[in-house]
Each structure stands twice: as C-alpha cells, then as structure tokens.
Amino acid sequence: MASEIIPDAELDCVGLYCPMPIAQTKQEIDRLEAGQLLKVEADDPAAEEDIKRWAKRVGHEVLKFEKEGTVMTFYIKKMK
C-alpha cells in the first residue's frame, strides 16, 4: 500500500491562467517552513512545465505529479 502524501497546505489554481498559478504557488510556498509540503491543483496547460521548471530553478522538489483529465496536481516540498 502506497503511503498517502499529506500536504501541509493546499492551493487551488483551477481556472487561473499564466502567470497566476506560478505566482500564487510562490506566494504560498513562501509561507511554509522548509520540509513542508504544498499541494497545488491547476488546469492551465502551461502550469505543468511552468511549475516544474520554477520548482527546479528555486530548489524545491516536486515529490509527485498527477494528471486527471485537465486538472494537474503537484506536491511540492519546500527545500529551504
């Protein structure tokens, strides 16, 4: 049985378009402590690349990525 990932915070960006999902993700992760987990849901097609690239650039880790229909779910671990 896979262990369920429990996020410390959740962000709903469904219905928002670039650059809002990335701007809100950055804002929300800034509120977390290092090691905490943010769950982000978005349906903007650009968000998949944008959020993954942003996380890598700033040094956070996308622990899990899921896509169901048009909705993408990111689990981002704040690394620092």
N, C-alpha and C. Protein backbone atom coordinates (compact mmCIF):
# COMPACT_ATOMS: atom_id res chain seq x y z
N MET A 1 0.84 -1.19 0.00
CA MET A 1 0.00 0.00 0.00
C MET A 1 0.88 1.25 0.00
N ALA A 2 0.65 2.13 -0.95
CA ALA A 2 1.44 3.37 -1.03
C ALA A 2 1.03 4.30 0.09
N SER A 3 2.01 4.92 0.71
CA SER A 3 1.68 5.87 1.78
C SER A 3 1.12 7.14 1.16
N GLU A 4 0.07 7.64 1.77
CA GLU A 4 -0.60 8.84 1.25
C GLU A 4 0.24 10.07 1.59
N ILE A 5 0.39 10.95 0.63
CA ILE A 5 1.13 12.19 0.88
C ILE A 5 0.16 13.19 1.51
N ILE A 6 0.50 13.66 2.69
CA ILE A 6 -0.34 14.63 3.40
C ILE A 6 0.29 16.02 3.28
N PRO A 7 -0.33 16.92 2.51
CA PRO A 7 0.24 18.26 2.36
C PRO A 7 0.01 19.12 3.61
N ASP A 8 0.93 20.04 3.85
CA ASP A 8 0.79 21.00 4.96
C ASP A 8 -0.11 22.16 4.54
N ALA A 9 -0.21 22.41 3.24
CA ALA A 9 -1.06 23.47 2.71
C ALA A 9 -1.55 23.07 1.34
N GLU A 10 -2.71 23.61 0.94
CA GLU A 10 -3.26 23.32 -0.38
C GLU A 10 -3.59 24.61 -1.10
N LEU A 11 -3.40 24.59 -2.41
CA LEU A 11 -3.65 25.77 -3.23
C LEU A 11 -4.46 25.35 -4.45
N ASP A 12 -5.59 26.03 -4.66
CA ASP A 12 -6.45 25.72 -5.80
C ASP A 12 -6.28 26.80 -6.87
N CYS A 13 -5.63 26.44 -7.96
CA CYS A 13 -5.41 27.39 -9.06
C CYS A 13 -6.25 27.02 -10.28
N VAL A 14 -7.23 26.14 -10.11
CA VAL A 14 -8.07 25.73 -11.23
C VAL A 14 -8.85 26.94 -11.73
N GLY A 15 -8.80 27.15 -13.04
CA GLY A 15 -9.48 28.29 -13.64
C GLY A 15 -8.59 29.52 -13.78
N LEU A 16 -7.39 29.45 -13.24
CA LEU A 16 -6.45 30.57 -13.36
C LEU A 16 -5.46 30.30 -14.49
N TYR A 17 -5.02 31.37 -15.13
CA TYR A 17 -4.08 31.22 -16.24
C TYR A 17 -2.79 31.94 -15.96
N CYS A 18 -1.76 31.50 -16.66
CA CYS A 18 -0.42 32.03 -16.52
C CYS A 18 -0.47 33.55 -16.49
N PRO A 19 0.21 34.22 -15.59
CA PRO A 19 1.19 33.68 -14.63
C PRO A 19 0.62 33.42 -13.23
N MET A 20 -0.71 33.42 -13.07
CA MET A 20 -1.28 33.32 -11.73
C MET A 20 -0.94 32.03 -10.98
N PRO A 21 -1.03 30.84 -11.61
CA PRO A 21 -0.70 29.63 -10.83
C PRO A 21 0.71 29.68 -10.24
N ILE A 22 1.66 30.13 -11.03
CA ILE A 22 3.04 30.17 -10.55
C ILE A 22 3.22 31.26 -9.50
N ALA A 23 2.57 32.40 -9.68
CA ALA A 23 2.68 33.49 -8.71
C ALA A 23 2.08 33.08 -7.37
N GLN A 24 0.92 32.43 -7.41
CA GLN A 24 0.27 32.00 -6.17
C GLN A 24 1.03 30.85 -5.51
N THR A 25 1.59 29.96 -6.32
CA THR A 25 2.39 28.86 -5.77
C THR A 25 3.60 29.41 -5.02
N LYS A 26 4.26 30.39 -5.62
CA LYS A 26 5.42 31.01 -4.98
C LYS A 26 5.02 31.68 -3.67
N GLN A 27 3.92 32.42 -3.70
CA GLN A 27 3.42 33.11 -2.51
C GLN A 27 3.13 32.11 -1.39
N GLU A 28 2.46 31.02 -1.76
CA GLU A 28 2.04 30.03 -0.76
C GLU A 28 3.24 29.28 -0.19
N ILE A 29 4.22 28.93 -1.03
CA ILE A 29 5.38 28.18 -0.54
C ILE A 29 6.24 29.05 0.37
N ASP A 30 6.22 30.36 0.14
CA ASP A 30 6.96 31.28 1.00
C ASP A 30 6.43 31.28 2.43
N ARG A 31 5.17 30.89 2.60
CA ARG A 31 4.57 30.84 3.94
C ARG A 31 4.93 29.57 4.70
N LEU A 32 5.43 28.58 3.99
CA LEU A 32 5.74 27.29 4.62
C LEU A 32 7.15 27.26 5.19
N GLU A 33 7.36 26.31 6.10
CA GLU A 33 8.69 26.06 6.65
C GLU A 33 9.40 25.07 5.72
N ALA A 34 10.73 25.08 5.75
CA ALA A 34 11.50 24.10 4.96
C ALA A 34 11.06 22.70 5.39
N GLY A 35 10.88 21.82 4.39
CA GLY A 35 10.47 20.46 4.67
C GLY A 35 8.96 20.25 4.60
N GLN A 36 8.20 21.35 4.57
CA GLN A 36 6.75 21.21 4.47
C GLN A 36 6.33 21.01 3.02
N LEU A 37 5.09 20.58 2.85
CA LEU A 37 4.60 20.16 1.54
C LEU A 37 3.39 20.98 1.12
N LEU A 38 3.42 21.45 -0.12
CA LEU A 38 2.32 22.22 -0.70
C LEU A 38 1.69 21.40 -1.82
N LYS A 39 0.36 21.27 -1.76
CA LYS A 39 -0.39 20.62 -2.85
C LYS A 39 -1.00 21.72 -3.70
N VAL A 40 -0.71 21.68 -5.00
CA VAL A 40 -1.24 22.68 -5.92
C VAL A 40 -2.06 21.97 -7.00
N GLU A 41 -3.27 22.46 -7.23
CA GLU A 41 -4.09 21.95 -8.33
C GLU A 41 -4.26 23.07 -9.35
N ALA A 42 -4.05 22.74 -10.62
CA ALA A 42 -4.16 23.72 -11.68
C ALA A 42 -4.66 23.05 -12.96
N ASP A 43 -5.33 23.83 -13.81
CA ASP A 43 -5.77 23.27 -15.09
C ASP A 43 -5.27 24.07 -16.29
N ASP A 44 -4.40 25.04 -16.03
CA ASP A 44 -3.78 25.79 -17.12
C ASP A 44 -2.72 24.89 -17.76
N PRO A 45 -2.85 24.57 -19.06
CA PRO A 45 -1.88 23.66 -19.69
C PRO A 45 -0.42 24.09 -19.49
N ALA A 46 -0.17 25.40 -19.41
CA ALA A 46 1.20 25.88 -19.24
C ALA A 46 1.74 25.59 -17.84
N ALA A 47 0.84 25.34 -16.89
CA ALA A 47 1.26 25.16 -15.49
C ALA A 47 2.18 23.95 -15.31
N GLU A 48 1.96 22.88 -16.08
CA GLU A 48 2.78 21.68 -15.91
C GLU A 48 4.26 22.01 -16.05
N GLU A 49 4.61 22.62 -17.19
CA GLU A 49 6.02 23.00 -17.42
C GLU A 49 6.46 24.10 -16.47
N ASP A 50 5.61 25.13 -16.33
CA ASP A 50 5.96 26.31 -15.53
C ASP A 50 6.29 25.93 -14.09
N ILE A 51 5.41 25.19 -13.45
CA ILE A 51 5.60 24.88 -12.03
C ILE A 51 6.79 23.94 -11.83
N LYS A 52 6.93 22.94 -12.71
CA LYS A 52 8.08 22.03 -12.60
C LYS A 52 9.39 22.79 -12.78
N ARG A 53 9.42 23.67 -13.79
CA ARG A 53 10.65 24.42 -14.07
C ARG A 53 10.96 25.39 -12.93
N TRP A 54 9.92 26.06 -12.45
CA TRP A 54 10.10 27.01 -11.33
C TRP A 54 10.64 26.30 -10.10
N ALA A 55 10.04 25.17 -9.74
CA ALA A 55 10.47 24.43 -8.54
C ALA A 55 11.94 24.04 -8.66
N LYS A 56 12.32 23.56 -9.83
CA LYS A 56 13.72 23.14 -10.04
C LYS A 56 14.65 24.34 -9.94
N ARG A 57 14.24 25.46 -10.54
CA ARG A 57 15.08 26.65 -10.56
C ARG A 57 15.32 27.20 -9.16
N VAL A 58 14.29 27.20 -8.33
CA VAL A 58 14.42 27.79 -6.99
C VAL A 58 14.83 26.76 -5.94
N GLY A 59 14.93 25.50 -6.34
CA GLY A 59 15.47 24.49 -5.44
C GLY A 59 14.46 23.74 -4.59
N HIS A 60 13.17 23.76 -4.98
CA HIS A 60 12.18 22.95 -4.30
C HIS A 60 11.99 21.66 -5.09
N GLU A 61 11.37 20.67 -4.46
CA GLU A 61 11.26 19.36 -5.10
C GLU A 61 9.80 19.00 -5.36
N VAL A 62 9.48 18.66 -6.61
CA VAL A 62 8.15 18.14 -6.93
C VAL A 62 8.19 16.65 -6.59
N LEU A 63 7.56 16.29 -5.45
CA LEU A 63 7.60 14.90 -4.99
C LEU A 63 6.70 14.01 -5.83
N LYS A 64 5.58 14.59 -6.27
CA LYS A 64 4.61 13.80 -7.00
C LYS A 64 3.85 14.71 -7.94
N PHE A 65 3.53 14.19 -9.12
CA PHE A 65 2.74 14.93 -10.11
C PHE A 65 1.68 13.99 -10.66
N GLU A 66 0.44 14.44 -10.65
CA GLU A 66 -0.65 13.62 -11.19
C GLU A 66 -1.46 14.46 -12.16
N LYS A 67 -2.04 13.79 -13.13
CA LYS A 67 -2.89 14.48 -14.09
C LYS A 67 -4.16 13.66 -14.26
N GLU A 68 -5.29 14.31 -13.99
CA GLU A 68 -6.57 13.63 -14.16
C GLU A 68 -7.46 14.53 -15.01
N GLY A 69 -7.71 14.13 -16.24
CA GLY A 69 -8.43 14.99 -17.16
C GLY A 69 -7.59 16.23 -17.41
N THR A 70 -8.17 17.41 -17.17
CA THR A 70 -7.41 18.64 -17.40
C THR A 70 -6.74 19.14 -16.13
N VAL A 71 -7.05 18.51 -15.00
CA VAL A 71 -6.52 19.00 -13.71
C VAL A 71 -5.22 18.30 -13.35
N MET A 72 -4.22 19.12 -13.07
CA MET A 72 -2.91 18.61 -12.65
C MET A 72 -2.74 18.88 -11.17
N THR A 73 -2.13 17.91 -10.48
CA THR A 73 -1.87 18.07 -9.06
C THR A 73 -0.37 17.92 -8.82
N PHE A 74 0.19 18.93 -8.17
CA PHE A 74 1.61 18.94 -7.84
C PHE A 74 1.76 18.84 -6.33
N TYR A 75 2.70 18.03 -5.87
CA TYR A 75 3.07 18.01 -4.46
C TYR A 75 4.48 18.53 -4.39
N ILE A 76 4.63 19.74 -3.87
CA ILE A 76 5.94 20.41 -3.87
C ILE A 76 6.48 20.51 -2.45
N LYS A 77 7.68 19.98 -2.27
CA LYS A 77 8.33 20.05 -0.97
C LYS A 77 9.24 21.27 -0.91
N LYS A 78 9.03 22.11 0.10
CA LYS A 78 9.88 23.28 0.27
C LYS A 78 11.22 22.80 0.83
N MET A 79 12.28 23.08 0.10
CA MET A 79 13.60 22.53 0.46
C MET A 79 14.45 23.48 1.30
N LYS A 80 14.13 24.79 1.29
CA LYS A 80 14.98 25.70 2.06
C LYS A 80 14.20 26.91 2.52
